[in-house]
Structure formats: C-alpha cells, structure tokens
Amino acid sequence: MTDVTFRNVEDEVLREFKAEAVREGKTLGEALAEALLNWLQSRQVKKSVRFSSLKPIDFGKNSEKSSSEIDDVVYG
C-alpha cells in the first residue's frame, strides 16, 4: 500500500465522496481505491481478446449458410 496526497480536489466533491463512503461503511482510502479501479477499468482497451476465447452464436433457424452467403455477396 502507498500513502498518497491529492491536490486541487473541489471541496464539495470531496465532501460528497466522504459522505458516500461513510454511508457504504468504507474508509476514505477504500472508497478511493475502488473509484480508481473503476476508472481504470472503464478506460481499458479490450486488447487481450483471443480468437479461441470467442463463443459461437446461434442466429436461429436457416442461418447455417449465412457465412457463405455473406462471402458470396461481398466477394462475388
């Protein structure tokens, strides 16, 4: 764990954040760690998707030849 200091945080934002942390039964540090993690996760680029991890999708009845039909339209 690391101790950190934040500067230039609006008083009202910090006050509301602290109050919400208390309502959730969390320390300010726990709430900040959760907020930082959520912020990072919301900005992650999905770059680790592997073809082998993709699952097939059932597009319903009579869709078995869809891929070939699309190829015919796109590539002639």
C-alpha atoms as a PDB file:
ATOM      1  CA  MET A   1       0.000   0.000   0.000  1.00  0.00           C
ATOM      2  CA  THR A   2       1.088   3.555  -0.678  1.00  0.00           C
ATOM      3  CA  ASP A   3       0.113   6.771   1.059  1.00  0.00           C
ATOM      4  CA  VAL A   4      -0.950   9.444  -1.418  1.00  0.00           C
ATOM      5  CA  THR A   5      -1.854  13.125  -1.317  1.00  0.00           C
ATOM      6  CA  PHE A   6      -4.399  14.610  -3.704  1.00  0.00           C
ATOM      7  CA  ARG A   7      -4.396  18.285  -4.611  1.00  0.00           C
ATOM      8  CA  ASN A   8      -6.903  20.519  -6.350  1.00  0.00           C
ATOM      9  CA  VAL A   9      -9.973  18.488  -5.429  1.00  0.00           C
ATOM     10  CA  GLU A  10     -13.113  20.593  -5.155  1.00  0.00           C
ATOM     11  CA  ASP A  11     -14.305  20.834  -1.561  1.00  0.00           C
ATOM     12  CA  GLU A  12     -17.902  19.904  -2.368  1.00  0.00           C
ATOM     13  CA  VAL A  13     -16.859  16.871  -4.428  1.00  0.00           C
ATOM     14  CA  LEU A  14     -14.629  15.597  -1.631  1.00  0.00           C
ATOM     15  CA  ARG A  15     -17.322  16.244   0.975  1.00  0.00           C
ATOM     16  CA  GLU A  16     -19.896  14.251  -1.025  1.00  0.00           C
ATOM     17  CA  PHE A  17     -17.375  11.488  -1.699  1.00  0.00           C
ATOM     18  CA  LYS A  18     -16.538  11.150   2.004  1.00  0.00           C
ATOM     19  CA  ALA A  19     -20.229  11.111   2.926  1.00  0.00           C
ATOM     20  CA  GLU A  20     -20.942   8.361   0.403  1.00  0.00           C
ATOM     21  CA  ALA A  21     -18.008   6.328   1.699  1.00  0.00           C
ATOM     22  CA  VAL A  22     -19.410   6.587   5.221  1.00  0.00           C
ATOM     23  CA  ARG A  23     -22.885   5.539   4.014  1.00  0.00           C
ATOM     24  CA  GLU A  24     -21.290   2.490   2.363  1.00  0.00           C
ATOM     25  CA  GLY A  25     -19.360   1.663   5.540  1.00  0.00           C
ATOM     26  CA  LYS A  26     -15.999   2.198   3.837  1.00  0.00           C
ATOM     27  CA  THR A  27     -12.941   4.189   4.765  1.00  0.00           C
ATOM     28  CA  LEU A  28     -11.974   7.052   2.506  1.00  0.00           C
ATOM     29  CA  GLY A  29      -8.965   5.019   1.342  1.00  0.00           C
ATOM     30  CA  GLU A  30     -11.140   2.012   0.456  1.00  0.00           C
ATOM     31  CA  ALA A  31     -13.579   4.194  -1.460  1.00  0.00           C
ATOM     32  CA  LEU A  32     -10.763   5.954  -3.322  1.00  0.00           C
ATOM     33  CA  ALA A  33      -9.127   2.638  -4.235  1.00  0.00           C
ATOM     34  CA  GLU A  34     -12.470   1.374  -5.573  1.00  0.00           C
ATOM     35  CA  ALA A  35     -13.062   4.594  -7.531  1.00  0.00           C
ATOM     36  CA  LEU A  36      -9.568   4.463  -9.038  1.00  0.00           C
ATOM     37  CA  LEU A  37     -10.000   0.831 -10.054  1.00  0.00           C
ATOM     38  CA  ASN A  38     -13.411   1.518 -11.607  1.00  0.00           C
ATOM     39  CA  TRP A  39     -11.996   4.487 -13.500  1.00  0.00           C
ATOM     40  CA  LEU A  40      -9.126   2.409 -14.875  1.00  0.00           C
ATOM     41  CA  GLN A  41     -11.396  -0.484 -15.861  1.00  0.00           C
ATOM     42  CA  SER A  42     -13.763   1.857 -17.691  1.00  0.00           C
ATOM     43  CA  ARG A  43     -10.890   3.004 -19.903  1.00  0.00           C
ATOM     44  CA  GLN A  44      -9.207  -0.299 -20.639  1.00  0.00           C
ATOM     45  CA  VAL A  45      -8.944  -1.253 -24.275  1.00  0.00           C
ATOM     46  CA  LYS A  46     -10.029  -4.787 -24.890  1.00  0.00           C
ATOM     47  CA  LYS A  47      -6.738  -5.855 -26.414  1.00  0.00           C
ATOM     48  CA  SER A  48      -6.450  -9.300 -24.896  1.00  0.00           C
ATOM     49  CA  VAL A  49      -9.398 -10.942 -26.672  1.00  0.00           C
ATOM     50  CA  ARG A  50      -8.249 -14.168 -28.252  1.00  0.00           C
ATOM     51  CA  PHE A  51      -9.983 -15.843 -31.152  1.00  0.00           C
ATOM     52  CA  SER A  52     -10.026 -19.125 -29.228  1.00  0.00           C
ATOM     53  CA  SER A  53     -11.994 -17.476 -26.409  1.00  0.00           C
ATOM     54  CA  LEU A  54     -14.881 -16.451 -28.684  1.00  0.00           C
ATOM     55  CA  LYS A  55     -18.055 -18.499 -28.338  1.00  0.00           C
ATOM     56  CA  PRO A  56     -20.318 -19.426 -31.244  1.00  0.00           C
ATOM     57  CA  ILE A  57     -23.590 -17.536 -31.637  1.00  0.00           C
ATOM     58  CA  ASP A  58     -26.800 -19.191 -32.757  1.00  0.00           C
ATOM     59  CA  PHE A  59     -28.566 -16.845 -35.189  1.00  0.00           C
ATOM     60  CA  GLY A  60     -31.616 -19.097 -35.397  1.00  0.00           C
ATOM     61  CA  LYS A  61     -33.254 -21.312 -37.946  1.00  0.00           C
ATOM     62  CA  ASN A  62     -31.976 -21.203 -41.551  1.00  0.00           C
ATOM     63  CA  SER A  63     -28.855 -19.263 -40.657  1.00  0.00           C
ATOM     64  CA  GLU A  64     -26.462 -22.170 -41.148  1.00  0.00           C
ATOM     65  CA  LYS A  65     -25.249 -20.867 -44.530  1.00  0.00           C
ATOM     66  CA  SER A  66     -25.077 -17.180 -43.540  1.00  0.00           C
ATOM     67  CA  SER A  67     -21.299 -17.007 -43.659  1.00  0.00           C
ATOM     68  CA  SER A  68     -21.133 -18.479 -47.171  1.00  0.00           C
ATOM     69  CA  GLU A  69     -23.969 -16.241 -48.352  1.00  0.00           C
ATOM     70  CA  ILE A  70     -22.249 -13.144 -46.971  1.00  0.00           C
ATOM     71  CA  ASP A  71     -18.987 -14.194 -48.663  1.00  0.00           C
ATOM     72  CA  ASP A  72     -20.853 -14.553 -51.987  1.00  0.00           C
ATOM     73  CA  VAL A  73     -22.264 -11.054 -51.681  1.00  0.00           C
ATOM     74  CA  VAL A  74     -19.035  -9.422 -50.533  1.00  0.00           C
ATOM     75  CA  TYR A  75     -16.543 -11.288 -52.705  1.00  0.00           C
ATOM     76  CA  GLY A  76     -18.756 -12.310 -55.603  1.00  0.00           C
END
